[in-house]
Amino acid sequence: MAFDLSPEHPEYLANFSGQFDEHLKLIEKRLGISIHNRAYRFELSGEPRALHAAEKMMQQMYREAANDIVITPDMVHLFLQESGIEAASYSDKDAADDEGEVFIRLRKMLIKPRGINQQEYVRCIRRNDINFGIGPAGTGKTYLAVACAVDALEREEISRILLVRPAVEAGEKLGFLPGDLSQKIDPYLRPLYDALYEMLGFEKVAKLIERNVIEVAPLAYMRGRTLNHSFVILDESQNTTREQMKMFLTRIGFGSTAVITGDITQVDLPKGTPSGLRHVLDVLDEVDGISITRFVSKDVVRHPLVQRIVEAYDKWEKNNVTENKWPASESKRV
């Protein structure tokens, strides 16, 4: 499908396309189409229904730009919502990517996800706005989430990175530590910091934190916020309550990506408090635009003993623990 935009004016076209064509890239991603243009001549390829919706929307956007209305990514999101169409399939570029290996190319290093699950995890993060990485320790779910966040920041697809963690221990195990809640929770975000230091360098991370480009946000501080143009990582999400998980997911705004990582076998919530992660996996299992990647013991990329330890625990729990019920030897302890 091909069409022309008029009237021809360079300022209208620049406003319409966005910085580095960010508006066109957003339309491509959301509708699963490819957009190519030479000046005011646009050629679209993809599913017919999505193409017609894209042409109608782009013509409307250009008319707004010609009326001296500044087009923002938020406005593009609203136009897309009004179109009522989401991508039924991914673009040709994504399809080709599925057939080959996935890489995360940062300025300081090249990261290669290992195994099928890790590669699919990265693909899902690139495609979807909300992503879950569920599995045992050592499967790379947090490290790869940070790598995708740094990649998006370096490409200027987002304006900031937020690191979020539930403060389950606040008032008890954290109570003796000095500082406010944010400072108390810093040690528990150390895996996220370590990954950032490796990918960006210590001084760069410190500067970005000082400028609030990278922000540490205890989950309790997220209430009432709307996060636009951000990459948000909720780590240790198995320790969220149902209410906290719903609150977090409804913070996601325009142009944002969220990755929620956790291990449902290591819940530290008080006895009798159900895990928000376990609950949300059932609630959102069939919701379009949300990906769930489940890692298993064979995906562990640490010392070989770690994989065998995870497998041993899985075997023991299958033989001794039923859902919400501990073995007699555990229940008798005081």
Protein backbone atom coordinates (compact mmCIF):
# COMPACT_ATOMS: atom_id res chain seq x y z
CA MET A 1 0.00 0.00 0.00
CA ALA A 2 1.33 3.45 -0.92
CA PHE A 3 0.08 6.98 -0.33
CA ASP A 4 1.28 10.59 -0.20
CA LEU A 5 1.06 13.14 2.59
CA SER A 6 0.16 16.72 1.81
CA PRO A 7 0.71 19.63 2.00
CA GLU A 8 4.46 19.14 1.63
CA HIS A 9 6.34 20.97 4.34
CA PRO A 10 9.56 19.84 6.09
CA GLU A 11 8.47 21.04 9.55
CA TYR A 12 5.16 19.18 9.29
CA LEU A 13 6.98 16.01 8.26
CA ALA A 14 9.52 16.28 11.09
CA ASN A 15 6.75 16.84 13.64
CA PHE A 16 4.76 13.93 12.20
CA SER A 17 7.68 11.47 12.16
CA GLY A 18 9.12 12.35 15.57
CA GLN A 19 12.74 12.39 16.69
CA PHE A 20 14.66 9.63 14.88
CA ASP A 21 11.31 8.50 13.40
CA GLU A 22 10.14 7.38 16.85
CA HIS A 23 6.47 7.87 15.96
CA LEU A 24 6.76 5.70 12.84
CA LYS A 25 8.64 3.00 14.78
CA LEU A 26 5.91 2.99 17.40
CA ILE A 27 3.22 2.49 14.74
CA GLU A 28 5.26 -0.34 13.19
CA LYS A 29 5.62 -2.09 16.54
CA ARG A 30 2.02 -1.76 17.64
CA LEU A 31 0.40 -2.67 14.32
CA GLY A 32 2.93 -5.24 13.16
CA ILE A 33 3.61 -3.48 9.85
CA SER A 34 6.63 -2.08 7.98
CA ILE A 35 6.80 1.59 7.01
CA HIS A 36 9.17 2.97 4.34
CA ASN A 37 9.13 6.48 2.99
CA ARG A 38 10.93 8.79 0.63
CA ALA A 39 10.03 12.30 1.67
CA TYR A 40 6.21 12.50 1.59
CA ARG A 41 5.66 9.18 -0.24
CA PHE A 42 4.94 6.31 2.20
CA GLU A 43 4.81 2.60 1.46
CA LEU A 44 3.31 0.18 4.00
CA SER A 45 3.43 -3.61 4.09
CA GLY A 46 1.68 -6.02 6.42
CA GLU A 47 -1.76 -7.39 7.23
CA PRO A 48 -4.44 -5.57 5.12
CA ARG A 49 -6.67 -4.54 8.03
CA ALA A 50 -3.71 -3.06 9.90
CA LEU A 51 -2.55 -1.24 6.75
CA HIS A 52 -5.87 0.53 6.25
CA ALA A 53 -5.96 1.54 9.91
CA ALA A 54 -2.36 2.80 9.71
CA GLU A 55 -3.01 4.91 6.60
CA LYS A 56 -6.11 6.50 8.13
CA MET A 57 -4.27 7.22 11.38
CA MET A 58 -1.14 8.61 9.67
CA GLN A 59 -3.20 10.92 7.49
CA GLN A 60 -4.96 12.22 10.60
CA MET A 61 -1.67 12.69 12.43
CA TYR A 62 -0.23 14.65 9.52
CA ARG A 63 -3.29 16.92 9.41
CA GLU A 64 -2.75 17.63 13.11
CA ALA A 65 0.93 18.41 12.44
CA ALA A 66 -0.09 20.74 9.59
CA ASN A 67 -2.32 22.58 12.09
CA ASP A 68 0.75 23.33 14.22
CA ILE A 69 -0.15 20.76 16.88
CA VAL A 70 2.98 19.17 18.33
CA ILE A 71 2.79 15.39 17.87
CA THR A 72 4.13 13.49 20.91
CA PRO A 73 4.57 9.75 21.53
CA ASP A 74 1.65 9.95 23.97
CA MET A 75 -0.57 11.29 21.18
CA VAL A 76 0.53 8.46 18.90
CA HIS A 77 -0.46 5.97 21.60
CA LEU A 78 -3.89 7.57 21.79
CA PHE A 79 -4.28 7.43 17.99
CA LEU A 80 -3.34 3.74 18.12
CA GLN A 81 -5.86 3.05 20.86
CA GLU A 82 -8.59 4.77 18.85
CA SER A 83 -7.73 2.61 15.82
CA GLY A 84 -8.79 -0.46 17.83
CA ILE A 85 -6.17 -2.65 16.17
CA GLU A 86 -3.21 -4.43 17.71
CA ALA A 87 -0.58 -6.41 15.86
CA ALA A 88 -1.84 -9.91 15.06
CA SER A 89 1.67 -10.92 14.04
CA TYR A 90 5.10 -9.42 14.08
CA SER A 91 6.85 -7.62 11.29
CA ASP A 92 9.06 -9.32 8.73
CA LYS A 93 12.11 -8.09 10.62
CA ASP A 94 10.94 -9.76 13.82
CA ALA A 95 10.09 -12.96 11.97
CA ALA A 96 13.59 -13.07 10.53
CA ASP A 97 14.99 -12.43 14.00
CA ASP A 98 13.09 -15.46 15.31
CA GLU A 99 14.98 -17.73 12.92
CA GLY A 100 18.42 -16.58 14.03
CA GLU A 101 20.28 -15.93 17.24
CA VAL A 102 19.47 -12.98 19.48
CA PHE A 103 22.13 -10.52 20.64
CA ILE A 104 22.04 -7.48 22.91
CA ARG A 105 24.64 -5.08 21.55
CA LEU A 106 25.62 -2.45 24.12
CA ARG A 107 28.29 0.23 23.75
CA LYS A 108 30.62 -1.54 26.19
CA MET A 109 29.84 -5.18 25.45
CA LEU A 110 27.92 -7.75 23.44
CA ILE A 111 25.56 -10.02 25.38
CA LYS A 112 24.42 -13.32 23.91
CA PRO A 113 21.46 -15.01 25.62
CA ARG A 114 22.07 -18.71 26.14
CA GLY A 115 19.57 -21.41 25.32
CA ILE A 116 16.09 -21.30 23.82
CA ASN A 117 14.34 -19.83 26.87
CA GLN A 118 16.79 -16.96 27.32
CA GLN A 119 16.60 -16.04 23.64
CA GLU A 120 12.81 -16.15 23.64
CA TYR A 121 12.78 -14.08 26.84
CA VAL A 122 14.74 -11.28 25.13
CA ARG A 123 12.53 -11.45 22.04
CA CYS A 124 9.43 -11.13 24.23
CA ILE A 125 10.85 -8.11 26.08
CA ARG A 126 11.53 -6.38 22.76
CA ARG A 127 8.00 -7.05 21.51
CA ASN A 128 5.75 -6.64 24.54
CA ASP A 129 5.13 -3.86 27.04
CA ILE A 130 4.73 -6.18 30.05
CA ASN A 131 6.86 -9.30 30.49
CA PHE A 132 7.25 -11.92 33.21
CA GLY A 133 10.41 -13.95 33.77
CA ILE A 134 9.68 -16.80 36.17
CA GLY A 135 12.17 -19.38 37.35
CA PRO A 136 14.94 -20.41 39.74
CA ALA A 137 18.03 -18.43 40.64
CA GLY A 138 20.83 -18.32 38.09
CA THR A 139 18.69 -18.46 34.95
CA GLY A 140 19.63 -14.94 33.85
CA LYS A 141 16.15 -13.44 34.11
CA THR A 142 17.28 -10.33 36.05
CA TYR A 143 20.58 -9.86 34.20
CA LEU A 144 18.94 -10.00 30.77
CA ALA A 145 16.19 -7.62 31.89
CA VAL A 146 18.84 -5.08 32.91
CA ALA A 147 20.66 -5.61 29.60
CA CYS A 148 17.46 -4.91 27.65
CA ALA A 149 16.89 -1.79 29.77
CA VAL A 150 20.39 -0.46 29.09
CA ASP A 151 19.99 -1.24 25.39
CA ALA A 152 16.70 0.72 25.26
CA LEU A 153 18.31 3.64 27.13
CA GLU A 154 21.30 3.77 24.78
CA ARG A 155 18.97 3.70 21.78
CA GLU A 156 16.97 6.55 23.38
CA GLU A 157 13.78 4.47 23.22
CA ILE A 158 13.18 5.32 26.89
CA SER A 159 14.16 8.22 29.12
CA ARG A 160 14.86 6.37 32.39
CA ILE A 161 15.27 3.02 34.12
CA LEU A 162 13.45 2.18 37.35
CA LEU A 163 14.59 -0.62 39.65
CA VAL A 164 11.79 -1.74 41.94
CA ARG A 165 11.68 -4.31 44.73
CA PRO A 166 9.10 -5.17 47.39
CA ALA A 167 10.38 -4.30 50.88
CA VAL A 168 9.08 -7.41 52.59
CA GLU A 169 11.56 -7.10 55.45
CA ALA A 170 10.77 -3.45 56.29
CA GLY A 171 10.12 -2.98 60.01
CA GLU A 172 11.69 -6.31 60.93
CA LYS A 173 14.91 -7.54 59.33
CA LEU A 174 15.66 -4.14 57.79
CA GLY A 175 14.77 -2.16 60.90
CA PHE A 176 18.29 -2.08 62.33
CA LEU A 177 19.87 -0.76 59.13
CA PRO A 178 20.68 2.99 58.96
CA GLY A 179 19.00 5.36 56.53
CA ASP A 180 15.56 5.71 54.98
CA LEU A 181 13.64 2.90 53.27
CA SER A 182 15.38 3.50 49.94
CA GLN A 183 18.81 3.19 51.57
CA LYS A 184 17.71 0.14 53.54
CA ILE A 185 16.61 -1.61 50.38
CA ASP A 186 19.76 -0.81 48.37
CA PRO A 187 21.63 -3.98 49.49
CA TYR A 188 18.76 -6.09 48.21
CA LEU A 189 19.03 -4.47 44.77
CA ARG A 190 22.72 -5.36 44.56
CA PRO A 191 22.25 -7.87 41.67
CA LEU A 192 20.67 -5.09 39.60
CA TYR A 193 23.45 -2.64 40.50
CA ASP A 194 26.16 -5.19 39.69
CA ALA A 195 24.68 -5.78 36.24
CA LEU A 196 24.48 -2.03 35.60
CA TYR A 197 28.10 -1.50 36.70
CA GLU A 198 29.24 -4.23 34.33
CA MET A 199 27.30 -2.85 31.37
CA LEU A 200 27.74 0.90 31.88
CA GLY A 201 30.65 1.35 34.28
CA PHE A 202 30.58 2.56 37.88
CA GLU A 203 31.01 6.28 37.17
CA LYS A 204 28.36 6.30 34.44
CA VAL A 205 25.84 4.55 36.69
CA ALA A 206 26.56 6.99 39.53
CA LYS A 207 25.94 9.97 37.22
CA LEU A 208 22.72 8.48 35.86
CA ILE A 209 21.45 7.82 39.40
CA GLU A 210 22.34 11.39 40.41
CA ARG A 211 20.31 12.70 37.44
CA ASN A 212 17.42 10.30 38.21
CA VAL A 213 17.84 8.61 34.83
CA ILE A 214 18.28 5.45 36.87
CA GLU A 215 15.98 5.42 39.88
CA VAL A 216 15.68 3.03 42.80
CA ALA A 217 12.03 2.82 43.81
CA PRO A 218 10.83 0.59 46.65
CA LEU A 219 7.47 -0.85 45.63
CA ALA A 220 5.68 1.07 48.38
CA TYR A 221 6.75 4.34 46.71
CA MET A 222 5.10 3.44 43.38
CA ARG A 223 1.53 4.10 44.46
CA GLY A 224 -0.02 7.06 42.67
CA ARG A 225 2.68 7.30 40.00
CA THR A 226 2.29 6.90 36.23
CA LEU A 227 5.45 5.77 34.47
CA ASN A 228 5.83 7.06 30.89
CA HIS A 229 8.80 6.35 28.59
CA SER A 230 10.46 4.17 31.22
CA PHE A 231 11.92 0.69 31.51
CA VAL A 232 10.74 -0.72 34.84
CA ILE A 233 12.17 -3.87 36.44
CA LEU A 234 10.30 -5.38 39.39
CA ASP A 235 12.69 -7.89 40.95
CA GLU A 236 11.81 -10.57 43.54
CA SER A 237 8.15 -10.14 42.60
CA GLN A 238 7.16 -13.38 44.35
CA ASN A 239 7.17 -11.25 47.52
CA THR A 240 4.41 -8.91 46.35
CA THR A 241 0.85 -9.25 47.60
CA ARG A 242 -2.04 -9.41 45.16
CA GLU A 243 -2.86 -5.76 45.82
CA GLN A 244 0.74 -4.66 45.30
CA MET A 245 1.05 -6.53 42.02
CA LYS A 246 -2.14 -4.97 40.66
CA MET A 247 -0.97 -1.55 41.80
CA PHE A 248 2.39 -1.97 40.08
CA LEU A 249 0.98 -3.21 36.77
CA THR A 250 -1.47 -0.32 36.57
CA ARG A 251 1.39 2.21 36.89
CA ILE A 252 2.63 1.45 33.37
CA GLY A 253 2.16 4.41 31.03
CA PHE A 254 2.85 5.36 27.41
CA GLY A 255 6.11 4.21 25.86
CA SER A 256 7.09 2.07 28.85
CA THR A 257 8.27 -1.51 29.19
CA ALA A 258 7.95 -3.53 32.39
CA VAL A 259 9.78 -6.74 33.27
CA ILE A 260 8.67 -8.65 36.35
CA THR A 261 11.05 -11.33 37.60
CA GLY A 262 10.60 -13.81 40.40
CA ASP A 263 10.83 -17.37 41.70
CA ILE A 264 7.53 -18.70 43.01
CA THR A 265 9.36 -21.36 45.04
CA GLN A 266 11.07 -18.72 47.24
CA VAL A 267 8.21 -16.68 48.71
CA ASP A 268 9.16 -14.73 51.86
CA LEU A 269 5.74 -13.26 52.61
CA PRO A 270 4.21 -13.76 56.05
CA LYS A 271 2.43 -17.09 56.53
CA GLY A 272 -1.06 -17.01 55.08
CA THR A 273 -0.37 -14.11 52.67
CA PRO A 274 -0.78 -15.30 49.06
CA SER A 275 1.88 -14.30 46.53
CA GLY A 276 0.81 -11.68 44.02
CA LEU A 277 3.08 -13.31 41.42
CA ARG A 278 1.38 -16.69 41.68
CA HIS A 279 -2.01 -15.01 41.43
CA VAL A 280 -1.18 -12.75 38.47
CA LEU A 281 0.19 -15.63 36.39
CA ASP A 282 -3.31 -17.13 36.42
CA VAL A 283 -5.09 -13.80 35.90
CA LEU A 284 -3.01 -12.62 32.92
CA ASP A 285 -2.18 -15.97 31.34
CA GLU A 286 -4.19 -15.31 28.15
CA VAL A 287 -4.00 -11.50 27.93
CA ASP A 288 -2.62 -10.24 24.60
CA GLY A 289 0.48 -8.05 24.78
CA ILE A 290 1.81 -9.75 27.92
CA SER A 291 4.53 -12.39 27.76
CA ILE A 292 5.35 -15.03 30.35
CA THR A 293 8.69 -16.86 30.09
CA ARG A 294 9.13 -19.82 32.42
CA PHE A 295 12.70 -20.86 33.12
CA VAL A 296 13.63 -24.31 34.44
CA SER A 297 16.68 -25.82 36.10
CA LYS A 298 18.37 -26.61 32.77
CA ASP A 299 18.45 -22.84 32.05
CA VAL A 300 20.75 -22.15 35.04
CA VAL A 301 23.95 -20.51 33.78
CA ARG A 302 25.92 -20.43 37.04
CA HIS A 303 28.18 -23.14 38.46
CA PRO A 304 27.00 -26.62 37.35
CA LEU A 305 26.33 -27.45 40.99
CA VAL A 306 23.65 -24.74 41.10
CA GLN A 307 21.61 -26.56 38.47
CA ARG A 308 21.89 -29.83 40.40
CA ILE A 309 20.91 -28.05 43.65
CA VAL A 310 17.81 -26.57 42.00
CA GLU A 311 16.85 -29.96 40.60
CA ALA A 312 17.35 -31.60 44.01
CA TYR A 313 15.10 -29.04 45.70
CA ASP A 314 12.44 -29.48 42.99
CA LYS A 315 12.53 -33.24 43.47
CA TRP A 316 12.30 -32.95 47.26
CA GLU A 317 9.38 -30.52 47.13
CA LYS A 318 7.45 -32.72 44.71
CA ASN A 319 7.86 -35.65 47.06
CA ASN A 320 7.26 -33.84 50.35
CA VAL A 321 5.22 -30.67 49.79
CA THR A 322 1.74 -30.31 48.37
CA GLU A 323 0.24 -26.93 47.55
CA ASN A 324 0.04 -24.66 50.62
CA LYS A 325 0.98 -27.57 52.90
CA TRP A 326 4.36 -28.21 54.51
CA PRO A 327 5.51 -31.65 55.62
CA ALA A 328 4.83 -32.67 59.23
CA SER A 329 8.47 -32.21 60.22
CA GLU A 330 8.29 -28.55 59.20
CA SER A 331 4.90 -27.80 60.76
CA LYS A 332 6.04 -28.99 64.19
CA ARG A 333 8.89 -26.52 64.43
CA VAL A 334 8.46 -23.53 66.73
